[in-house]
C-alpha atoms as a PDB file:
ATOM      1  CA  MET A   1      -0.003   0.027  -0.066  1.00  0.00           C
ATOM      2  CA  GLN A   2       2.846   2.386   0.834  1.00  0.00           C
ATOM      3  CA  ARG A   3       4.484   1.602  -2.544  1.00  0.00           C
ATOM      4  CA  TRP A   4       1.330   2.159  -4.382  1.00  0.00           C
ATOM      5  CA  MET A   5       0.708   5.408  -2.563  1.00  0.00           C
ATOM      6  CA  GLN A   6       4.187   6.757  -3.254  1.00  0.00           C
ATOM      7  CA  ILE A   7       3.702   5.982  -7.035  1.00  0.00           C
ATOM      8  CA  VAL A   8       0.455   7.674  -7.347  1.00  0.00           C
ATOM      9  CA  ILE A   9       1.004  10.867  -5.238  1.00  0.00           C
ATOM     10  CA  THR A  10       4.435  11.611  -6.933  1.00  0.00           C
ATOM     11  CA  HIS A  11       3.188  11.134 -10.533  1.00  0.00           C
ATOM     12  CA  PRO A  12       3.834  14.438 -12.214  1.00  0.00           C
ATOM     13  CA  ARG A  13       0.507  14.612 -13.917  1.00  0.00           C
ATOM     14  CA  GLY A  14      -1.661  13.809 -10.740  1.00  0.00           C
ATOM     15  CA  VAL A  15      -3.132  10.738  -8.958  1.00  0.00           C
ATOM     16  CA  ALA A  16      -5.575   9.875 -11.666  1.00  0.00           C
ATOM     17  CA  ALA A  17      -2.616   9.535 -14.059  1.00  0.00           C
ATOM     18  CA  GLY A  18      -0.436   7.674 -11.558  1.00  0.00           C
ATOM     19  CA  VAL A  19      -3.111   5.019 -10.906  1.00  0.00           C
ATOM     20  CA  GLY A  20      -3.048   4.006 -14.475  1.00  0.00           C
ATOM     21  CA  THR A  21       0.539   3.339 -14.579  1.00  0.00           C
ATOM     22  CA  GLU A  22       2.019  -0.064 -15.030  1.00  0.00           C
ATOM     23  CA  GLU A  23       4.118   0.418 -11.815  1.00  0.00           C
ATOM     24  CA  ALA A  24       0.963   1.252  -9.776  1.00  0.00           C
ATOM     25  CA  LYS A  25      -1.073  -1.504 -11.280  1.00  0.00           C
ATOM     26  CA  ALA A  26       1.684  -3.887 -10.164  1.00  0.00           C
ATOM     27  CA  GLU A  27       0.473  -3.102  -6.662  1.00  0.00           C
ATOM     28  CA  TYR A  28      -3.016  -2.597  -7.036  1.00  0.00           C
ATOM     29  CA  ASP A  29      -4.675  -3.076 -10.437  1.00  0.00           C
ATOM     30  CA  ILE A  30      -7.399  -0.622 -10.214  1.00  0.00           C
ATOM     31  CA  VAL A  31      -8.795   2.467 -12.339  1.00  0.00           C
ATOM     32  CA  PRO A  32      -9.378   5.970 -10.909  1.00  0.00           C
ATOM     33  CA  ASP A  33     -13.194   5.063 -10.410  1.00  0.00           C
ATOM     34  CA  GLU A  34     -12.097   2.193  -8.023  1.00  0.00           C
ATOM     35  CA  LEU A  35      -9.988   4.315  -5.774  1.00  0.00           C
ATOM     36  CA  GLU A  36     -12.456   4.140  -2.835  1.00  0.00           C
ATOM     37  CA  ARG A  37     -11.574   0.494  -2.512  1.00  0.00           C
ATOM     38  CA  LEU A  38      -8.177   1.744  -1.003  1.00  0.00           C
ATOM     39  CA  ILE A  39      -8.982   5.294  -0.110  1.00  0.00           C
ATOM     40  CA  ALA A  40     -12.421   5.661   1.987  1.00  0.00           C
ATOM     41  CA  PRO A  41     -14.269   9.012   1.317  1.00  0.00           C
ATOM     42  CA  SER A  42     -14.815  11.397   4.250  1.00  0.00           C
ATOM     43  CA  GLY A  43     -17.719  13.388   4.860  1.00  0.00           C
ATOM     44  CA  SER A  44     -17.026  15.919   2.347  1.00  0.00           C
ATOM     45  CA  LEU A  45     -14.269  14.571   0.243  1.00  0.00           C
ATOM     46  CA  SER A  46     -14.087  11.533  -2.087  1.00  0.00           C
ATOM     47  CA  GLY A  47     -11.225   9.101  -1.991  1.00  0.00           C
ATOM     48  CA  LEU A  48      -9.724  10.773  -5.089  1.00  0.00           C
ATOM     49  CA  GLU A  49      -9.845  14.144  -3.500  1.00  0.00           C
ATOM     50  CA  ARG A  50      -8.413  13.114  -0.213  1.00  0.00           C
ATOM     51  CA  ILE A  51      -5.381  11.532  -1.741  1.00  0.00           C
ATOM     52  CA  SER A  52      -4.948  14.453  -4.219  1.00  0.00           C
ATOM     53  CA  ILE A  53      -4.254  16.735  -1.182  1.00  0.00           C
ATOM     54  CA  TYR A  54      -0.997  14.698  -0.638  1.00  0.00           C
ATOM     55  CA  SER A  55      -0.191  14.732  -4.375  1.00  0.00           C
ATOM     56  CA  GLU A  56      -0.581  18.585  -4.505  1.00  0.00           C
ATOM     57  CA  MET A  57       1.510  18.970  -1.187  1.00  0.00           C
ATOM     58  CA  TYR A  58       4.274  16.956  -2.959  1.00  0.00           C
ATOM     59  CA  THR A  59       4.292  19.173  -6.084  1.00  0.00           C
ATOM     60  CA  LEU A  60       4.267  22.347  -3.869  1.00  0.00           C
ATOM     61  CA  ARG A  61       7.273  21.069  -1.951  1.00  0.00           C
ATOM     62  CA  LEU A  62       9.180  20.707  -5.329  1.00  0.00           C
ATOM     63  CA  LEU A  63       7.998  24.229  -6.100  1.00  0.00           C
ATOM     64  CA  ASP A  64       9.474  25.507  -2.992  1.00  0.00           C
ATOM     65  CA  VAL A  65      12.684  23.739  -3.751  1.00  0.00           C
ATOM     66  CA  LEU A  66      13.175  25.186  -7.123  1.00  0.00           C
ATOM     67  CA  ARG A  67      12.164  28.876  -5.727  1.00  0.00           C
ATOM     68  CA  GLU A  68      14.756  28.586  -3.166  1.00  0.00           C
ATOM     69  CA  ASP A  69      17.546  27.318  -5.459  1.00  0.00           C
ATOM     70  CA  PHE A  70      16.620  29.559  -8.319  1.00  0.00           C
ATOM     71  CA  SER A  71      15.466  32.751  -6.716  1.00  0.00           C
ATOM     72  CA  VAL A  72      17.298  35.010  -9.200  1.00  0.00           C
ATOM     73  CA  LEU A  73      15.515  33.165 -12.147  1.00  0.00           C
ATOM     74  CA  LEU A  74      12.249  33.541 -10.301  1.00  0.00           C
ATOM     75  CA  ASN A  75      12.977  37.253 -10.143  1.00  0.00           C
ATOM     76  CA  ALA A  76      13.568  37.512 -13.795  1.00  0.00           C
ATOM     77  CA  LEU A  77      10.549  35.542 -14.804  1.00  0.00           C
ATOM     78  CA  GLY A  78       8.084  36.651 -12.253  1.00  0.00           C
ATOM     79  CA  GLU A  79       6.116  34.379  -9.989  1.00  0.00           C
ATOM     80  CA  ARG A  80       3.250  33.398 -12.567  1.00  0.00           C
ATOM     81  CA  ARG A  81       5.947  32.517 -15.318  1.00  0.00           C
ATOM     82  CA  PHE A  82       8.269  30.822 -12.944  1.00  0.00           C
ATOM     83  CA  GLU A  83       5.502  28.544 -11.402  1.00  0.00           C
ATOM     84  CA  ALA A  84       4.402  27.562 -14.932  1.00  0.00           C
ATOM     85  CA  LEU A  85       8.026  26.803 -15.968  1.00  0.00           C
ATOM     86  CA  ALA A  86       8.593  24.997 -12.588  1.00  0.00           C
ATOM     87  CA  ARG A  87       5.398  22.718 -13.014  1.00  0.00           C
ATOM     88  CA  ASP A  88       6.375  21.945 -16.450  1.00  0.00           C
ATOM     89  CA  TYR A  89       9.833  20.830 -15.257  1.00  0.00           C
ATOM     90  CA  ILE A  90       8.339  18.698 -12.653  1.00  0.00           C
ATOM     91  CA  ALA A  91       6.411  16.876 -15.189  1.00  0.00           C
ATOM     92  CA  ALA A  92       9.371  16.579 -17.679  1.00  0.00           C
ATOM     93  CA  HIS A  93      11.850  15.616 -14.991  1.00  0.00           C
ATOM     94  CA  PRO A  94      10.292  13.920 -11.943  1.00  0.00           C
ATOM     95  CA  SER A  95      12.276  13.818  -8.738  1.00  0.00           C
ATOM     96  CA  ARG A  96      14.318  10.608  -8.882  1.00  0.00           C
ATOM     97  CA  HIS A  97      16.945  11.231  -5.867  1.00  0.00           C
ATOM     98  CA  PRO A  98      16.218  11.263  -2.232  1.00  0.00           C
ATOM     99  CA  ASN A  99      18.339  14.463  -1.885  1.00  0.00           C
ATOM    100  CA  LEU A 100      16.284  17.378  -3.036  1.00  0.00           C
ATOM    101  CA  ASN A 101      19.475  19.238  -3.668  1.00  0.00           C
ATOM    102  CA  GLN A 102      19.857  17.277  -6.911  1.00  0.00           C
ATOM    103  CA  PHE A 103      16.325  18.177  -8.152  1.00  0.00           C
ATOM    104  CA  GLY A 104      17.076  21.307 -10.112  1.00  0.00           C
ATOM    105  CA  ARG A 105      20.201  19.904 -12.005  1.00  0.00           C
ATOM    106  CA  HIS A 106      18.339  19.775 -15.377  1.00  0.00           C
ATOM    107  CA  LEU A 107      16.610  23.079 -15.202  1.00  0.00           C
ATOM    108  CA  ALA A 108      19.191  25.042 -17.136  1.00  0.00           C
ATOM    109  CA  GLY A 109      19.053  22.705 -20.182  1.00  0.00           C
ATOM    110  CA  PHE A 110      15.191  22.504 -19.702  1.00  0.00           C
ATOM    111  CA  VAL A 111      14.984  26.489 -19.799  1.00  0.00           C
ATOM    112  CA  ALA A 112      17.320  26.415 -22.861  1.00  0.00           C
ATOM    113  CA  SER A 113      14.876  24.331 -24.757  1.00  0.00           C
ATOM    114  CA  ARG A 114      11.820  26.443 -24.224  1.00  0.00           C
ATOM    115  CA  ASP A 115      10.317  28.884 -26.850  1.00  0.00           C
ATOM    116  CA  ASP A 116      11.103  32.231 -25.177  1.00  0.00           C
ATOM    117  CA  ARG A 117      13.115  34.985 -26.644  1.00  0.00           C
ATOM    118  CA  HIS A 118      15.280  35.148 -23.562  1.00  0.00           C
ATOM    119  CA  ALA A 119      15.818  31.610 -23.129  1.00  0.00           C
ATOM    120  CA  ALA A 120      19.717  31.814 -23.656  1.00  0.00           C
ATOM    121  CA  PHE A 121      19.971  34.364 -20.953  1.00  0.00           C
ATOM    122  CA  LEU A 122      17.622  32.540 -18.536  1.00  0.00           C
ATOM    123  CA  SER A 123      19.396  29.210 -18.969  1.00  0.00           C
ATOM    124  CA  GLU A 124      22.620  30.757 -18.253  1.00  0.00           C
ATOM    125  CA  LEU A 125      21.232  32.386 -15.101  1.00  0.00           C
ATOM    126  CA  ALA A 126      19.954  28.936 -14.048  1.00  0.00           C
ATOM    127  CA  THR A 127      23.397  27.621 -14.751  1.00  0.00           C
ATOM    128  CA  LEU A 128      24.988  30.063 -12.318  1.00  0.00           C
ATOM    129  CA  GLU A 129      22.513  29.454  -9.720  1.00  0.00           C
ATOM    130  CA  ARG A 130      22.855  25.579 -10.129  1.00  0.00           C
ATOM    131  CA  ALA A 131      26.654  26.036  -9.717  1.00  0.00           C
ATOM    132  CA  ALA A 132      26.122  27.794  -6.509  1.00  0.00           C
ATOM    133  CA  SER A 133      24.071  24.769  -5.311  1.00  0.00           C
ATOM    134  CA  GLU A 134      26.737  22.254  -6.430  1.00  0.00           C
ATOM    135  CA  VAL A 135      29.644  24.308  -4.938  1.00  0.00           C
ATOM    136  CA  PHE A 136      27.833  24.416  -1.544  1.00  0.00           C
ATOM    137  CA  ASP A 137      27.256  20.673  -1.498  1.00  0.00           C
ATOM    138  CA  ALA A 138      30.731  19.656  -2.851  1.00  0.00           C
ATOM    139  CA  GLU A 139      33.016  17.482  -0.787  1.00  0.00           C
ATOM    140  CA  ARG A 140      35.434  19.186   1.344  1.00  0.00           C
ATOM    141  CA  ALA A 141      39.061  19.145   0.445  1.00  0.00           C
ATOM    142  CA  ALA A 142      42.253  20.520   1.941  1.00  0.00           C
ATOM    143  CA  ALA A 143      43.290  23.620   0.004  1.00  0.00           C
ATOM    144  CA  LEU A 144      46.760  24.821  -0.908  1.00  0.00           C
ATOM    145  CA  SER A 145      47.604  27.902   1.095  1.00  0.00           C
ATOM    146  CA  ARG A 146      49.092  30.886  -0.200  1.00  0.00           C
ATOM    147  CA  VAL A 147      52.105  30.582   2.101  1.00  0.00           C
ATOM    148  CA  GLU A 148      52.764  27.025   0.481  1.00  0.00           C
ATOM    149  CA  LEU A 149      52.454  28.357  -2.983  1.00  0.00           C
ATOM    150  CA  GLU A 150      54.647  31.364  -2.365  1.00  0.00           C
ATOM    151  CA  GLY A 151      57.208  28.955  -0.840  1.00  0.00           C
ATOM    152  CA  LEU A 152      57.976  27.243  -4.091  1.00  0.00           C
ATOM    153  CA  ALA A 153      61.288  27.810  -5.641  1.00  0.00           C
ATOM    154  CA  PRO A 154      60.818  29.927  -8.770  1.00  0.00           C
ATOM    155  CA  GLU A 155      62.394  27.455 -11.244  1.00  0.00           C
ATOM    156  CA  SER A 156      59.722  24.811 -10.146  1.00  0.00           C
ATOM    157  CA  TRP A 157      56.733  27.029 -11.321  1.00  0.00           C
ATOM    158  CA  PRO A 158      56.798  25.841 -14.993  1.00  0.00           C
ATOM    159  CA  ARG A 159      56.354  22.373 -13.907  1.00  0.00           C
ATOM    160  CA  LEU A 160      53.420  23.019 -11.404  1.00  0.00           C
ATOM    161  CA  ARG A 161      50.252  20.962 -11.987  1.00  0.00           C
ATOM    162  CA  LEU A 162      47.393  22.698  -9.959  1.00  0.00           C
ATOM    163  CA  GLU A 163      44.141  21.030  -9.358  1.00  0.00           C
ATOM    164  CA  ARG A 164      41.099  22.986  -8.039  1.00  0.00           C
ATOM    165  CA  VAL A 165      39.311  21.843  -4.977  1.00  0.00           C
ATOM    166  CA  PRO A 166      35.862  20.143  -5.720  1.00  0.00           C
ATOM    167  CA  ALA A 167      33.900  23.031  -4.447  1.00  0.00           C
ATOM    168  CA  THR A 168      34.678  25.194  -7.354  1.00  0.00           C
ATOM    169  CA  ARG A 169      33.135  26.047 -10.759  1.00  0.00           C
ATOM    170  CA  VAL A 170      34.689  27.954 -13.702  1.00  0.00           C
ATOM    171  CA  LEU A 171      32.021  29.212 -16.115  1.00  0.00           C
ATOM    172  CA  SER A 172      31.710  31.170 -19.307  1.00  0.00           C
ATOM    173  CA  PHE A 173      28.486  32.943 -20.458  1.00  0.00           C
ATOM    174  CA  ARG A 174      27.276  34.879 -23.468  1.00  0.00           C
ATOM    175  CA  TYR A 175      25.539  37.340 -21.136  1.00  0.00           C
ATOM    176  CA  PRO A 176      26.651  39.303 -18.032  1.00  0.00           C
ATOM    177  CA  VAL A 177      24.766  36.863 -15.719  1.00  0.00           C
ATOM    178  CA  ASN A 178      26.828  37.573 -12.504  1.00  0.00           C
ATOM    179  CA  ARG A 179      26.290  41.296 -12.740  1.00  0.00           C
ATOM    180  CA  TYR A 180      22.544  40.699 -13.094  1.00  0.00           C
ATOM    181  CA  TYR A 181      22.529  38.181 -10.145  1.00  0.00           C
ATOM    182  CA  VAL A 182      24.409  40.858  -8.038  1.00  0.00           C
ATOM    183  CA  ASP A 183      21.895  43.539  -9.249  1.00  0.00           C
ATOM    184  CA  VAL A 184      18.939  41.448  -8.190  1.00  0.00           C
ATOM    185  CA  LYS A 185      20.322  40.565  -4.847  1.00  0.00           C
ATOM    186  CA  GLU A 186      21.046  44.240  -4.011  1.00  0.00           C
ATOM    187  CA  GLY A 187      17.502  45.302  -4.933  1.00  0.00           C
ATOM    188  CA  ARG A 188      18.296  47.381  -8.155  1.00  0.00           C
ATOM    189  CA  GLY A 189      15.682  45.666 -10.509  1.00  0.00           C
ATOM    190  CA  PRO A 190      17.629  45.044 -13.422  1.00  0.00           C
ATOM    191  CA  ARG A 191      16.251  44.438 -16.985  1.00  0.00           C
ATOM    192  CA  ILE A 192      17.351  41.362 -19.131  1.00  0.00           C
ATOM    193  CA  PRO A 193      20.673  42.500 -20.405  1.00  0.00           C
ATOM    194  CA  LYS A 194      22.049  42.465 -24.025  1.00  0.00           C
ATOM    195  CA  PRO A 195      24.821  39.617 -24.878  1.00  0.00           C
ATOM    196  CA  ALA A 196      28.100  40.510 -23.642  1.00  0.00           C
ATOM    197  CA  PRO A 197      30.672  37.779 -22.909  1.00  0.00           C
ATOM    198  CA  SER A 198      31.356  37.179 -19.188  1.00  0.00           C
ATOM    199  CA  PHE A 199      33.365  34.786 -17.026  1.00  0.00           C
ATOM    200  CA  ALA A 200      32.923  33.707 -13.392  1.00  0.00           C
ATOM    201  CA  LEU A 201      34.614  31.460 -10.719  1.00  0.00           C
ATOM    202  CA  VAL A 202      32.029  30.017  -8.237  1.00  0.00           C
ATOM    203  CA  TYR A 203      33.850  28.687  -4.985  1.00  0.00           C
ATOM    204  CA  ARG A 204      33.153  27.838  -1.206  1.00  0.00           C
ATOM    205  CA  LYS A 205      35.116  29.443   1.499  1.00  0.00           C
ATOM    206  CA  ASP A 206      34.380  28.755   5.187  1.00  0.00           C
ATOM    207  CA  TRP A 207      30.991  27.345   3.894  1.00  0.00           C
ATOM    208  CA  ILE A 208      29.818  30.467   2.170  1.00  0.00           C
ATOM    209  CA  VAL A 209      29.493  30.424  -1.599  1.00  0.00           C
ATOM    210  CA  TRP A 210      31.191  33.315  -3.424  1.00  0.00           C
ATOM    211  CA  ARG A 211      31.053  34.401  -6.969  1.00  0.00           C
ATOM    212  CA  ALA A 212      34.132  36.269  -8.610  1.00  0.00           C
ATOM    213  CA  ASN A 213      33.961  37.788 -12.006  1.00  0.00           C
ATOM    214  CA  LEU A 214      37.016  36.629 -14.252  1.00  0.00           C
ATOM    215  CA  SER A 215      38.758  38.180 -17.052  1.00  0.00           C
ATOM    216  CA  ARG A 216      38.943  36.303 -20.283  1.00  0.00           C
ATOM    217  CA  GLU A 217      42.530  35.668 -19.619  1.00  0.00           C
ATOM    218  CA  GLN A 218      41.740  34.318 -16.070  1.00  0.00           C
ATOM    219  CA  HIS A 219      39.286  31.929 -17.246  1.00  0.00           C
ATOM    220  CA  ALA A 220      41.488  30.659 -20.288  1.00  0.00           C
ATOM    221  CA  LEU A 221      44.209  29.969 -17.738  1.00  0.00           C
ATOM    222  CA  LEU A 222      42.083  28.223 -15.430  1.00  0.00           C
ATOM    223  CA  GLU A 223      40.409  26.187 -17.952  1.00  0.00           C
ATOM    224  CA  ALA A 224      43.966  25.156 -19.337  1.00  0.00           C
ATOM    225  CA  LEU A 225      45.049  24.077 -15.865  1.00  0.00           C
ATOM    226  CA  ALA A 226      42.021  21.917 -15.430  1.00  0.00           C
ATOM    227  CA  THR A 227      43.231  19.790 -18.191  1.00  0.00           C
ATOM    228  CA  GLY A 228      46.149  18.582 -15.972  1.00  0.00           C
ATOM    229  CA  ALA A 229      48.634  20.507 -18.024  1.00  0.00           C
ATOM    230  CA  GLU A 230      51.861  21.945 -16.264  1.00  0.00           C
ATOM    231  CA  LEU A 231      51.817  25.707 -15.864  1.00  0.00           C
ATOM    232  CA  GLY A 232      54.470  26.284 -18.239  1.00  0.00           C
ATOM    233  CA  ALA A 233      52.671  24.218 -20.902  1.00  0.00           C
ATOM    234  CA  ALA A 234      49.367  25.988 -20.248  1.00  0.00           C
ATOM    235  CA  LEU A 235      50.813  29.349 -20.587  1.00  0.00           C
ATOM    236  CA  GLU A 236      52.418  28.232 -23.840  1.00  0.00           C
ATOM    237  CA  SER A 237      48.958  26.943 -25.209  1.00  0.00           C
ATOM    238  CA  LEU A 238      47.513  30.427 -24.448  1.00  0.00           C
ATOM    239  CA  SER A 239      50.174  32.359 -26.211  1.00  0.00           C
ATOM    240  CA  ALA A 240      48.697  31.243 -29.678  1.00  0.00           C
ATOM    241  CA  ARG A 241      45.295  32.924 -28.757  1.00  0.00           C
ATOM    242  CA  GLU A 242      44.635  36.150 -30.377  1.00  0.00           C
ATOM    243  CA  ASP A 243      41.745  36.882 -28.114  1.00  0.00           C
ATOM    244  CA  LEU A 244      43.762  37.120 -25.154  1.00  0.00           C
ATOM    245  CA  ASP A 245      45.845  40.099 -23.780  1.00  0.00           C
ATOM    246  CA  LEU A 246      49.093  38.065 -23.245  1.00  0.00           C
ATOM    247  CA  ALA A 247      51.028  41.122 -21.853  1.00  0.00           C
ATOM    248  CA  ARG A 248      48.312  41.430 -19.159  1.00  0.00           C
ATOM    249  CA  LEU A 249      48.530  37.764 -18.522  1.00  0.00           C
ATOM    250  CA  GLN A 250      52.191  37.972 -17.826  1.00  0.00           C
ATOM    251  CA  ARG A 251      51.943  41.104 -15.779  1.00  0.00           C
ATOM    252  CA  GLU A 252      49.232  39.850 -13.565  1.00  0.00           C
ATOM    253  CA  LEU A 253      49.824  36.102 -13.271  1.00  0.00           C
ATOM    254  CA  ALA A 254      51.514  36.269  -9.735  1.00  0.00           C
ATOM    255  CA  GLY A 255      48.742  38.330  -8.382  1.00  0.00           C
ATOM    256  CA  TRP A 256      46.101  35.915  -9.718  1.00  0.00           C
ATOM    257  CA  PHE A 257      47.671  32.980  -7.941  1.00  0.00           C
ATOM    258  CA  ARG A 258      48.064  34.891  -4.716  1.00  0.00           C
ATOM    259  CA  GLU A 259      44.428  35.726  -4.888  1.00  0.00           C
ATOM    260  CA  TRP A 260      43.282  32.172  -5.814  1.00  0.00           C
ATOM    261  CA  SER A 261      45.448  30.383  -3.235  1.00  0.00           C
ATOM    262  CA  ALA A 262      44.247  32.963  -0.485  1.00  0.00           C
ATOM    263  CA  GLU A 263      40.525  31.875  -1.433  1.00  0.00           C
ATOM    264  CA  GLY A 264      41.464  28.209  -1.379  1.00  0.00           C
ATOM    265  CA  VAL A 265      40.923  27.262  -4.960  1.00  0.00           C
ATOM    266  CA  PHE A 266      43.674  24.878  -5.367  1.00  0.00           C
ATOM    267  CA  ARG A 267      44.151  21.612  -3.484  1.00  0.00           C
ATOM    268  CA  SER A 268      47.324  19.973  -4.658  1.00  0.00           C
ATOM    269  CA  ILE A 269      50.634  20.313  -6.401  1.00  0.00           C
ATOM    270  CA  GLY A 270      52.110  17.914  -8.845  1.00  0.00           C
END
């Protein structure tokens, strides 16, 4: 009975649809009109109406999860459009994991597939918010300190292999999504922006999630290091890119590493 009830109240199209699934019929082979064989009516509600209360409560809990994890997307869409999006998402991607933190992992792709003139921006906004959730939940790892990094002999730097801690994400966007995020959080009521490439580092420090804007050069370097390349090889690979300011990269490289190591971005040296 418990298995049957879970199947029917979590069905994304409601109890009546859930009752008709093969999974539910494997427990009790009934049709919606026969529900009162299992769920007795009350003085004012039918059996279907009684169990549908639990179905709607389940859906409302999932809506609350999405509102909490994607609060800036909610601001961009407004309550009515966000709820319509969220209900469609619940139907397309039913919760399959006991940890509700996993529920929104497909939302960015779902938003990108919708017929909306702002779909690309909204999808990137969802990507940024999802990255923050993933970083908060990521496993803990001992970070390489600034003192350890600065204590290395200069001649060893070209052979460095730096690995980011799990609680980091390096992102590239077609829109200035982090600026929009900050504007919303600070109550400025921004409009949907025009396309403009942007880059961001999302990381966790002392169990607080931070978002830092990156330059194109910083993003390129972090991505090159993520391949496992030694620092010298990574810099050499970037020297062929015409879209990078190589003079800036060389001039500011040491400062970047001081900043990143102070924030606990890297975890090991090879």
